[in-house]
Amino acid sequence: MDYLINEGYPSAAKKFAMEANIQPPVEEETILPRVEIRNAIYAGDIEKAIHKINDLNPQILDLDPTLHFALLRLQLIELIRKCMTTPDADITPALTFATSQLAPRAPTNPEFLEDLERTMALLIFPPENLAPPLAALLDPALRQTVANRVNEAILGSQGARREARIRNLVRLRTWSEKKARDAGKDIPEKLDFGLNADKEVDEDDAMNGNGETDAMVS
């Protein structure tokens, strides 16, 4: 239940609560704004996501310039992606956006400047010849990374736990397993979570965002 609510799966959380005969700890309506924001990011509509974040709580981005820059850079990437996929596309919108929204922020943080320079390099090289660090900017996984950061920021602004407990448990299990292997302990090559094979696959899918799809589009 904790994972489903934190990660933004309201329908699955409601179904789980009904089957377990328990009262959901929060109303579905309180989860939906986060789902809508994450859907917008997954769809590449970053402008819409930023508007929804500001409608929900304008202080989230005001107090987190790093997250704000990450969203703006992702918006620039989406503009560049459109140029790459449209024949004879005009790159002026991308250049204008970079100049007006990102360039003024870049001098405030060396990482901002580096990220902006790397992103602008997408306009120089053809898509088929991009180096791995540049190609990674066009990978949908970047949308998911930014969406997760936004989700955690929203939860934090609401005084909720930023991450579901299950994620901490998985990290702890992974850390413990690594320590045991480093110490030369005799442990199985693969340790599951004590579930059957089918459920193990389902859990892996869920942790990677491939499970229940409460309007979560990748």
Protein backbone atom coordinates (compact mmCIF):
# COMPACT_ATOMS: atom_id res chain seq x y z
CA MET A 1 0.00 0.00 0.00
CA ASP A 2 2.81 2.39 0.94
CA TYR A 3 4.58 1.76 -2.38
CA LEU A 4 1.41 2.13 -4.47
CA ILE A 5 0.49 5.46 -2.87
CA ASN A 6 3.98 6.96 -2.96
CA GLU A 7 4.65 5.89 -6.53
CA GLY A 8 1.27 7.12 -7.76
CA TYR A 9 -0.91 4.10 -8.52
CA PRO A 10 -4.30 5.15 -7.09
CA SER A 11 -6.39 2.44 -8.77
CA ALA A 12 -4.08 -0.32 -7.59
CA ALA A 13 -3.99 1.16 -4.08
CA LYS A 14 -7.80 1.28 -3.98
CA LYS A 15 -8.06 -2.31 -5.19
CA PHE A 16 -5.47 -3.46 -2.66
CA ALA A 17 -7.35 -1.74 0.16
CA MET A 18 -10.63 -3.36 -0.87
CA GLU A 19 -9.12 -6.84 -1.10
CA ALA A 20 -7.33 -6.42 2.23
CA ASN A 21 -10.46 -4.91 3.80
CA ILE A 22 -8.58 -1.87 5.06
CA GLN A 23 -9.21 1.85 4.80
CA PRO A 24 -6.92 3.65 2.32
CA PRO A 25 -4.67 6.04 4.27
CA VAL A 26 -5.29 8.85 1.75
CA GLU A 27 -8.04 9.78 -0.67
CA GLU A 28 -7.49 8.92 -4.33
CA GLU A 29 -7.97 12.59 -5.24
CA THR A 30 -4.80 13.53 -3.35
CA ILE A 31 -2.74 11.19 -5.54
CA LEU A 32 -4.16 12.23 -8.91
CA PRO A 33 -2.27 15.55 -9.23
CA ARG A 34 1.03 13.68 -8.90
CA VAL A 35 -0.11 11.13 -11.48
CA GLU A 36 -1.09 13.89 -13.92
CA ILE A 37 2.27 15.60 -13.50
CA ARG A 38 4.18 12.37 -14.03
CA ASN A 39 2.07 11.52 -17.08
CA ALA A 40 2.89 14.90 -18.60
CA ILE A 41 6.61 14.35 -18.04
CA TYR A 42 6.48 10.83 -19.47
CA ALA A 43 4.67 12.22 -22.52
CA GLY A 44 7.33 14.88 -22.99
CA ASP A 45 4.96 17.76 -22.20
CA ILE A 46 7.24 19.43 -19.70
CA GLU A 47 5.60 22.84 -19.96
CA LYS A 48 2.30 21.30 -18.86
CA ALA A 49 4.05 19.49 -16.00
CA ILE A 50 5.67 22.71 -14.76
CA HIS A 51 2.33 24.53 -14.86
CA LYS A 52 0.68 21.74 -12.86
CA ILE A 53 3.51 21.73 -10.31
CA ASN A 54 3.14 25.48 -9.84
CA ASP A 55 -0.64 25.14 -9.55
CA LEU A 56 -0.15 22.51 -6.87
CA ASN A 57 2.52 24.39 -4.94
CA PRO A 58 4.62 27.17 -6.54
CA GLN A 59 7.21 26.93 -3.77
CA ILE A 60 8.32 23.46 -4.88
CA LEU A 61 10.35 24.80 -7.81
CA ASP A 62 11.13 28.14 -6.18
CA LEU A 63 12.88 26.35 -3.33
CA ASP A 64 14.58 23.72 -5.50
CA PRO A 65 16.49 25.43 -8.35
CA THR A 66 18.25 22.18 -9.23
CA LEU A 67 14.95 20.41 -9.87
CA HIS A 68 13.62 23.44 -11.74
CA PHE A 69 16.69 23.46 -13.99
CA ALA A 70 16.34 19.72 -14.60
CA LEU A 71 12.77 20.25 -15.79
CA LEU A 72 13.70 23.17 -18.01
CA ARG A 73 16.59 21.23 -19.51
CA LEU A 74 14.23 18.34 -20.19
CA GLN A 75 11.88 20.78 -21.90
CA LEU A 76 14.80 21.92 -24.07
CA ILE A 77 15.62 18.30 -24.88
CA GLU A 78 12.02 17.76 -26.01
CA LEU A 79 12.25 20.80 -28.28
CA ILE A 80 15.47 19.45 -29.77
CA ARG A 81 13.92 15.99 -30.13
CA LYS A 82 11.14 17.57 -32.17
CA CYS A 83 13.75 19.20 -34.42
CA MET A 84 15.45 15.84 -34.91
CA THR A 85 12.28 14.02 -35.88
CA THR A 86 10.79 16.71 -38.13
CA PRO A 87 12.27 17.19 -41.62
CA ASP A 88 13.63 20.70 -42.21
CA ALA A 89 12.60 21.69 -38.69
CA ASP A 90 13.39 25.17 -37.41
CA ILE A 91 15.77 25.09 -34.44
CA THR A 92 14.91 28.68 -33.48
CA PRO A 93 12.39 27.69 -30.75
CA ALA A 94 15.02 25.50 -29.07
CA LEU A 95 17.67 28.22 -29.27
CA THR A 96 15.26 30.86 -27.98
CA PHE A 97 14.19 28.67 -25.07
CA ALA A 98 17.79 27.87 -24.14
CA THR A 99 18.72 31.55 -24.27
CA SER A 100 15.77 32.82 -22.26
CA GLN A 101 15.21 30.05 -19.72
CA LEU A 102 18.46 28.13 -19.20
CA ALA A 103 21.32 30.48 -20.05
CA PRO A 104 20.51 32.94 -17.22
CA ARG A 105 20.55 30.08 -14.70
CA ALA A 106 23.69 28.33 -15.98
CA PRO A 107 26.25 30.68 -14.35
CA THR A 108 24.78 30.04 -10.90
CA ASN A 109 25.97 26.43 -10.84
CA PRO A 110 28.87 24.75 -12.69
CA GLU A 111 26.76 21.64 -13.18
CA PHE A 112 24.02 23.71 -14.81
CA LEU A 113 26.50 25.11 -17.31
CA GLU A 114 27.90 21.66 -18.09
CA ASP A 115 24.41 20.20 -18.53
CA LEU A 116 23.37 23.05 -20.81
CA GLU A 117 26.49 22.71 -22.98
CA ARG A 118 25.96 18.97 -23.30
CA THR A 119 22.32 19.45 -24.23
CA MET A 120 23.10 22.08 -26.87
CA ALA A 121 25.55 19.63 -28.44
CA LEU A 122 22.51 17.64 -29.57
CA LEU A 123 21.97 20.33 -32.18
CA ILE A 124 25.46 19.85 -33.60
CA PHE A 125 25.72 16.12 -34.18
CA PRO A 126 23.35 13.95 -36.24
CA PRO A 127 21.24 11.57 -34.12
CA GLU A 128 22.89 8.45 -35.54
CA ASN A 129 26.36 9.69 -34.52
CA LEU A 130 25.69 10.75 -30.95
CA ALA A 131 28.18 9.69 -28.30
CA PRO A 132 26.66 7.63 -25.46
CA PRO A 133 26.49 10.58 -23.00
CA LEU A 134 24.52 12.59 -25.58
CA ALA A 135 22.34 9.69 -26.69
CA ALA A 136 21.38 9.16 -23.03
CA LEU A 137 19.71 12.59 -23.04
CA LEU A 138 17.21 11.33 -25.61
CA ASP A 139 16.53 8.09 -23.75
CA PRO A 140 13.01 7.98 -22.23
CA ALA A 141 14.70 6.88 -19.00
CA LEU A 142 15.66 10.52 -18.40
CA ARG A 143 11.97 11.43 -18.32
CA GLN A 144 11.42 8.76 -15.69
CA THR A 145 14.36 9.99 -13.61
CA VAL A 146 13.09 13.57 -13.61
CA ALA A 147 9.52 12.42 -12.93
CA ASN A 148 10.70 10.45 -9.90
CA ARG A 149 12.53 13.51 -8.57
CA VAL A 150 9.42 15.62 -9.04
CA ASN A 151 7.28 13.02 -7.28
CA GLU A 152 9.65 12.95 -4.31
CA ALA A 153 9.70 16.76 -4.15
CA ILE A 154 5.90 16.91 -4.11
CA LEU A 155 5.69 14.29 -1.38
CA GLY A 156 8.29 16.18 0.64
CA SER A 157 6.34 19.43 0.28
CA GLN A 158 3.27 17.64 1.62
CA GLY A 159 5.13 16.30 4.62
CA ALA A 160 4.90 12.74 3.33
CA ARG A 161 7.63 10.14 3.06
CA ARG A 162 9.59 10.78 -0.14
CA GLU A 163 10.17 7.11 -0.86
CA ALA A 164 8.16 3.99 -0.23
CA ARG A 165 9.61 1.76 2.49
CA ILE A 166 9.97 -1.10 0.03
CA ARG A 167 12.60 0.86 -1.92
CA ASN A 168 14.67 1.31 1.23
CA LEU A 169 14.34 -2.40 1.97
CA VAL A 170 15.49 -3.32 -1.53
CA ARG A 171 18.52 -1.04 -1.23
CA LEU A 172 19.34 -2.47 2.19
CA ARG A 173 19.07 -6.02 0.86
CA THR A 174 21.31 -5.16 -2.09
CA TRP A 175 23.88 -3.51 0.17
CA SER A 176 23.90 -6.47 2.57
CA GLU A 177 24.29 -8.94 -0.29
CA LYS A 178 27.23 -6.98 -1.72
CA LYS A 179 28.94 -6.82 1.67
CA ALA A 180 28.50 -10.57 2.10
CA ARG A 181 29.97 -11.29 -1.33
CA ASP A 182 32.87 -8.90 -0.74
CA ALA A 183 33.59 -10.74 2.50
CA GLY A 184 33.71 -14.05 0.62
CA LYS A 185 30.58 -15.47 2.19
CA ASP A 186 29.09 -18.53 0.51
CA ILE A 187 25.70 -17.31 -0.67
CA PRO A 188 23.59 -18.28 -3.70
CA GLU A 189 24.34 -16.56 -6.99
CA LYS A 190 20.88 -15.02 -7.02
CA LEU A 191 18.79 -14.23 -3.98
CA ASP A 192 15.10 -13.63 -4.57
CA PHE A 193 12.64 -11.96 -2.24
CA GLY A 194 11.16 -15.20 -1.00
CA LEU A 195 8.37 -15.12 -3.54
CA ASN A 196 7.50 -17.60 -6.25
CA ALA A 197 8.91 -17.06 -9.73
CA ASP A 198 5.83 -15.42 -11.21
CA LYS A 199 5.50 -12.98 -8.35
CA GLU A 200 9.21 -12.25 -8.48
CA VAL A 201 8.89 -11.17 -12.09
CA ASP A 202 5.86 -9.06 -11.25
CA GLU A 203 7.77 -7.31 -8.47
CA ASP A 204 10.70 -6.58 -10.76
CA ASP A 205 8.29 -5.08 -13.29
CA ALA A 206 6.62 -2.96 -10.64
CA MET A 207 9.91 -1.59 -9.36
CA ASN A 208 10.86 -0.63 -12.91
CA GLY A 209 7.59 1.12 -13.63
CA ASN A 210 6.28 -1.66 -15.88
CA GLY A 211 3.56 -2.97 -13.61
CA GLU A 212 0.17 -1.46 -12.90
CA THR A 213 -0.28 1.44 -15.29
CA ASP A 214 -2.46 3.99 -13.52
CA ALA A 215 -2.12 6.40 -16.42
CA MET A 216 1.63 6.08 -16.10
CA VAL A 217 2.90 6.24 -19.66
CA SER A 218 6.48 5.52 -20.66
